[in-house]
Protein backbone atom coordinates (compact mmCIF):
# COMPACT_ATOMS: atom_id res chain seq x y z
CA MET A 1 -73.37 242.38 25.65
CA ARG A 2 -76.08 243.40 23.23
CA PHE A 3 -79.70 242.63 24.04
CA ASN A 4 -81.92 242.04 21.01
CA LYS A 5 -84.85 240.71 23.04
CA ALA A 6 -85.74 240.88 26.69
CA LEU A 7 -84.79 238.08 29.08
CA SER A 8 -87.20 236.98 31.77
CA ASN A 9 -87.39 234.30 34.45
CA VAL A 10 -84.16 232.56 33.44
CA SER A 11 -83.08 229.97 36.00
CA VAL A 12 -80.92 227.64 33.89
CA LEU A 13 -77.87 228.43 31.78
CA SER A 14 -77.24 225.88 29.04
CA PHE A 15 -73.82 225.79 27.38
CA ASP A 16 -72.71 224.45 24.07
CA LEU A 17 -69.22 223.01 24.56
CA ASP A 18 -67.03 222.95 21.44
CA ASP A 19 -65.86 226.45 20.44
CA THR A 20 -67.93 227.98 23.22
CA LEU A 21 -66.05 227.07 26.39
CA TYR A 22 -62.78 226.17 24.64
CA ASN A 23 -61.20 226.34 21.19
CA ASN A 24 -62.10 223.03 19.59
CA HIS A 25 -60.28 223.48 16.28
CA PRO A 26 -56.83 222.19 17.36
CA ILE A 27 -58.46 219.48 19.46
CA ILE A 28 -60.53 217.94 16.67
CA LYS A 29 -57.57 218.27 14.29
CA ALA A 30 -55.38 216.29 16.69
CA ALA A 31 -58.10 213.68 17.23
CA VAL A 32 -58.59 213.13 13.52
CA GLN A 33 -54.83 212.86 13.05
CA ALA A 34 -54.62 210.28 15.86
CA GLN A 35 -57.23 208.15 14.11
CA LEU A 36 -55.49 208.51 10.75
CA THR A 37 -52.14 207.58 12.30
CA TYR A 38 -53.64 204.39 13.67
CA LEU A 39 -55.33 203.55 10.37
CA ALA A 40 -52.05 204.09 8.54
CA SER A 41 -50.69 201.06 10.42
CA ILE A 42 -53.21 198.85 8.59
CA LYS A 43 -51.78 198.07 5.17
CA GLN A 44 -55.13 197.22 3.59
CA TRP A 45 -56.55 200.58 4.66
CA THR A 46 -53.70 202.67 3.27
CA GLU A 47 -53.92 200.83 -0.03
CA GLN A 48 -57.37 202.36 -0.55
CA GLY A 49 -55.94 205.87 -0.83
CA PRO A 50 -56.46 209.10 1.13
CA ASP A 51 -60.18 209.44 0.36
CA PHE A 52 -61.25 206.09 1.79
CA TRP A 53 -62.27 207.48 5.18
CA SER A 54 -64.50 210.11 3.54
CA HIS A 55 -65.99 207.39 1.37
CA CYS A 56 -66.83 205.31 4.45
CA ARG A 57 -68.49 208.25 6.19
CA ASN A 58 -70.50 209.21 3.14
CA GLU A 59 -71.66 205.68 2.41
CA THR A 60 -72.79 204.98 5.96
CA ALA A 61 -74.64 208.31 6.08
CA LYS A 62 -76.48 207.34 2.90
CA GLN A 63 -77.40 203.94 4.31
CA TYR A 64 -78.31 205.21 7.78
CA PRO A 65 -79.32 208.89 7.55
CA LYS A 66 -80.12 209.15 11.26
CA LEU A 67 -76.43 208.63 12.06
CA ILE A 68 -75.76 212.32 11.46
CA ASP A 69 -77.49 213.01 14.79
CA ASP A 70 -74.96 210.84 16.65
CA VAL A 71 -71.40 211.62 15.57
CA THR A 72 -69.94 209.02 17.94
CA LYS A 73 -72.03 206.19 16.53
CA TRP A 74 -71.48 207.47 12.99
CA ARG A 75 -67.71 207.26 13.44
CA HIS A 76 -67.96 203.74 14.87
CA VAL A 77 -70.24 202.53 12.07
CA ALA A 78 -68.10 204.14 9.36
CA LEU A 79 -64.96 202.50 10.75
CA GLN A 80 -66.64 199.10 10.91
CA TYR A 81 -67.98 199.57 7.40
CA GLY A 82 -64.49 200.36 6.13
CA MET A 83 -62.94 197.36 7.82
CA ALA A 84 -65.65 195.09 6.41
CA GLN A 85 -64.99 196.50 2.94
CA LEU A 86 -61.36 195.50 3.34
CA GLY A 87 -62.39 191.88 3.86
CA PHE A 88 -61.74 191.51 7.56
CA THR A 89 -63.88 189.09 9.53
CA ALA A 90 -66.53 190.59 11.78
CA PRO A 91 -64.42 190.18 14.97
CA GLN A 92 -61.37 191.66 13.24
CA ALA A 93 -63.38 194.56 11.84
CA GLU A 94 -64.80 195.30 15.29
CA GLN A 95 -61.38 195.16 16.92
CA TYR A 96 -59.72 197.47 14.38
CA ALA A 97 -62.68 199.86 14.41
CA GLN A 98 -62.64 200.05 18.21
CA GLU A 99 -58.89 200.64 18.33
CA ALA A 100 -59.16 203.38 15.69
CA TYR A 101 -61.97 205.04 17.60
CA SER A 102 -60.06 204.79 20.87
CA ALA A 103 -57.14 206.63 19.28
CA PHE A 104 -59.55 209.37 18.19
CA SER A 105 -61.39 209.49 21.52
CA HIS A 106 -58.26 209.75 23.64
CA ALA A 107 -57.05 212.79 21.70
CA ARG A 108 -60.59 214.20 21.48
CA SER A 109 -60.78 214.59 25.24
CA ASN A 110 -57.26 215.95 25.67
CA ILE A 111 -58.69 219.32 26.70
CA THR A 112 -57.85 221.78 29.43
CA VAL A 113 -60.44 224.49 29.89
CA GLU A 114 -58.90 227.77 31.02
CA GLN A 115 -59.11 228.48 34.73
CA SER A 116 -60.75 231.83 33.99
CA VAL A 117 -63.61 230.01 32.23
CA LEU A 118 -64.03 227.67 35.21
CA GLU A 119 -64.15 230.68 37.51
CA LEU A 120 -66.85 232.18 35.31
CA LEU A 121 -68.91 229.00 35.60
CA HIS A 122 -68.45 228.94 39.36
CA THR A 123 -69.70 232.53 39.58
CA LEU A 124 -72.71 231.85 37.36
CA ARG A 125 -73.57 228.78 39.42
CA LYS A 126 -74.26 231.03 42.41
CA LYS A 127 -77.39 232.28 40.62
CA TYR A 128 -78.24 229.67 37.95
CA ARG A 129 -78.28 225.93 37.40
CA LEU A 130 -75.74 225.01 34.73
CA ILE A 131 -76.16 222.35 32.04
CA ALA A 132 -74.46 221.46 28.77
CA ILE A 133 -76.14 220.61 25.46
CA THR A 134 -73.78 219.51 22.69
CA ASN A 135 -73.95 218.05 19.20
CA GLY A 136 -70.38 216.82 19.61
CA ASN A 137 -68.79 213.66 20.97
CA VAL A 138 -66.52 215.13 23.64
CA GLU A 139 -66.57 213.23 26.95
CA VAL A 140 -66.83 215.89 29.66
CA GLU A 141 -65.98 213.46 32.44
CA LYS A 142 -62.50 212.98 30.98
CA PHE A 143 -61.22 216.55 31.42
CA ASN A 144 -61.60 219.51 33.74
CA LEU A 145 -65.24 220.27 32.98
CA ALA A 146 -66.15 217.12 34.91
CA GLY A 147 -68.65 217.96 37.63
CA GLU A 148 -69.35 221.47 36.39
CA PHE A 149 -72.87 220.76 35.06
CA ASP A 150 -76.05 219.41 36.61
CA VAL A 151 -76.88 217.71 33.30
CA VAL A 152 -74.91 216.98 30.13
CA LEU A 153 -76.97 216.11 27.06
CA LYS A 154 -75.42 214.84 23.84
CA ALA A 155 -76.94 214.54 20.39
CA GLY A 156 -77.58 210.90 19.57
CA PRO A 157 -77.91 209.20 22.95
CA ASP A 158 -80.16 211.97 24.29
CA GLY A 159 -82.05 213.03 21.16
CA ALA A 160 -81.74 214.56 17.71
CA ALA A 161 -79.00 217.13 17.15
CA LYS A 162 -79.57 220.85 17.49
CA PRO A 163 -81.37 222.76 15.99
CA HIS A 164 -83.97 220.05 16.63
CA SER A 165 -85.76 220.77 19.90
CA ALA A 166 -85.26 217.28 21.38
CA LEU A 167 -82.28 218.11 23.61
CA PHE A 168 -83.91 221.29 24.91
CA ASP A 169 -87.14 219.39 25.54
CA LYS A 170 -85.27 216.73 27.51
CA ALA A 171 -83.36 219.33 29.52
CA ALA A 172 -86.56 221.05 30.57
CA ALA A 173 -88.15 217.73 31.53
CA LEU A 174 -85.14 216.58 33.55
CA LEU A 175 -84.87 219.86 35.43
CA ASN A 176 -88.64 220.28 35.78
CA VAL A 177 -88.59 223.81 34.36
CA ASN A 178 -90.33 225.58 31.51
CA LYS A 179 -88.17 225.91 28.41
CA SER A 180 -88.54 229.69 28.70
CA GLU A 181 -86.43 229.43 31.86
CA ILE A 182 -83.46 228.06 29.88
CA LEU A 183 -80.89 230.44 28.38
CA HIS A 184 -78.67 228.58 25.91
CA ILE A 185 -75.22 229.94 25.05
CA GLY A 186 -73.40 228.83 21.91
CA ASP A 187 -71.24 229.89 19.00
CA SER A 188 -73.46 228.67 16.14
CA LEU A 189 -76.45 230.60 14.83
CA ASP A 190 -77.62 227.53 12.93
CA SER A 191 -77.56 224.98 15.73
CA ASP A 192 -77.42 226.87 19.03
CA VAL A 193 -79.43 230.02 18.42
CA GLN A 194 -81.95 228.55 15.99
CA GLY A 195 -82.33 225.46 18.16
CA ALA A 196 -82.92 227.43 21.35
CA ASN A 197 -85.26 229.93 19.70
CA ASP A 198 -87.33 227.27 17.95
CA ALA A 199 -87.60 225.26 21.16
CA GLY A 200 -88.95 228.22 23.11
CA CYS A 201 -85.77 228.83 25.10
CA HIS A 202 -83.74 232.03 25.35
CA SER A 203 -80.49 232.26 23.38
CA VAL A 204 -77.06 233.87 23.57
CA TRP A 205 -74.90 233.98 20.46
CA LEU A 206 -71.17 233.96 21.12
CA ASN A 207 -70.18 235.80 17.96
CA ASP A 208 -66.46 235.16 17.81
CA GLN A 209 -66.19 232.81 14.81
CA SER A 210 -65.69 233.79 11.18
CA CYS A 211 -68.47 231.61 9.82
CA GLN A 212 -71.36 231.95 7.40
CA TYR A 213 -74.72 230.87 8.77
CA ALA A 214 -78.04 230.16 7.12
CA TYR A 215 -80.20 231.15 10.09
CA LYS A 216 -81.38 234.76 9.89
CA GLY A 217 -83.12 235.00 13.24
CA LEU A 218 -81.80 237.00 16.16
CA ALA A 219 -80.42 235.68 19.42
CA HIS A 220 -81.91 237.25 22.52
CA VAL A 221 -78.39 238.34 23.44
CA GLU A 222 -75.16 238.68 21.46
CA ILE A 223 -71.70 238.64 23.02
CA LYS A 224 -68.19 238.84 21.63
CA ASN A 225 -66.45 236.89 24.37
CA ILE A 226 -67.62 234.43 26.98
CA TYR A 227 -66.66 236.67 29.92
CA GLU A 228 -69.45 239.09 29.08
CA LEU A 229 -71.68 236.54 30.80
CA TYR A 230 -70.53 237.99 34.12
CA GLN A 231 -73.12 240.67 33.44
CA LEU A 232 -75.81 238.06 34.09
CA VAL A 233 -74.96 238.08 37.79
CA GLU A 234 -74.34 241.78 38.24
């Protein structure tokens, strides 16, 4: 654990979810494949070629730019847009879009967080309140992180996506704490660290991904693996 800036008066630990508490890469790959498998059963969809889904996402983002802050709604709208483009009636388009999303969602929440990570959370809970702040669309209540957090905030329903301060602002208001009391832990410099820093929270960068980031600021703390957080209770 490397300290770049001092920590003070932290009472809340905020966790990003995807690629912070579990490896999300195989999960999202399986979820996307589940959606594509369902869509492949619709002849009209497959006739549009392999790039049709990307086209639907891009077009709906152009028409409704705010959708990028709510990946769940964006996926729903893009699916409905695609079905409408294929000439289905509104009820048919809604049905096919919902079934496609359900295929995605079921696989998306097929997650088992390692017991050692759960034990870490249980240890940290002895000293801190635990919350989750995510830009993703994972449904925590559907796998074994259910009940682990006092609050779960998701981009879209709860505010603009990180690095915007909205989710951090809402967390502080819900918990009745100053934002300086929140220490946010995440794998992304651009969303997690920048978001926490800009909002006036403390930040921990889990530096275990081979990614290029635009943000040049420093996290308060840098770690190489999640278990280094045990040092916060020592």
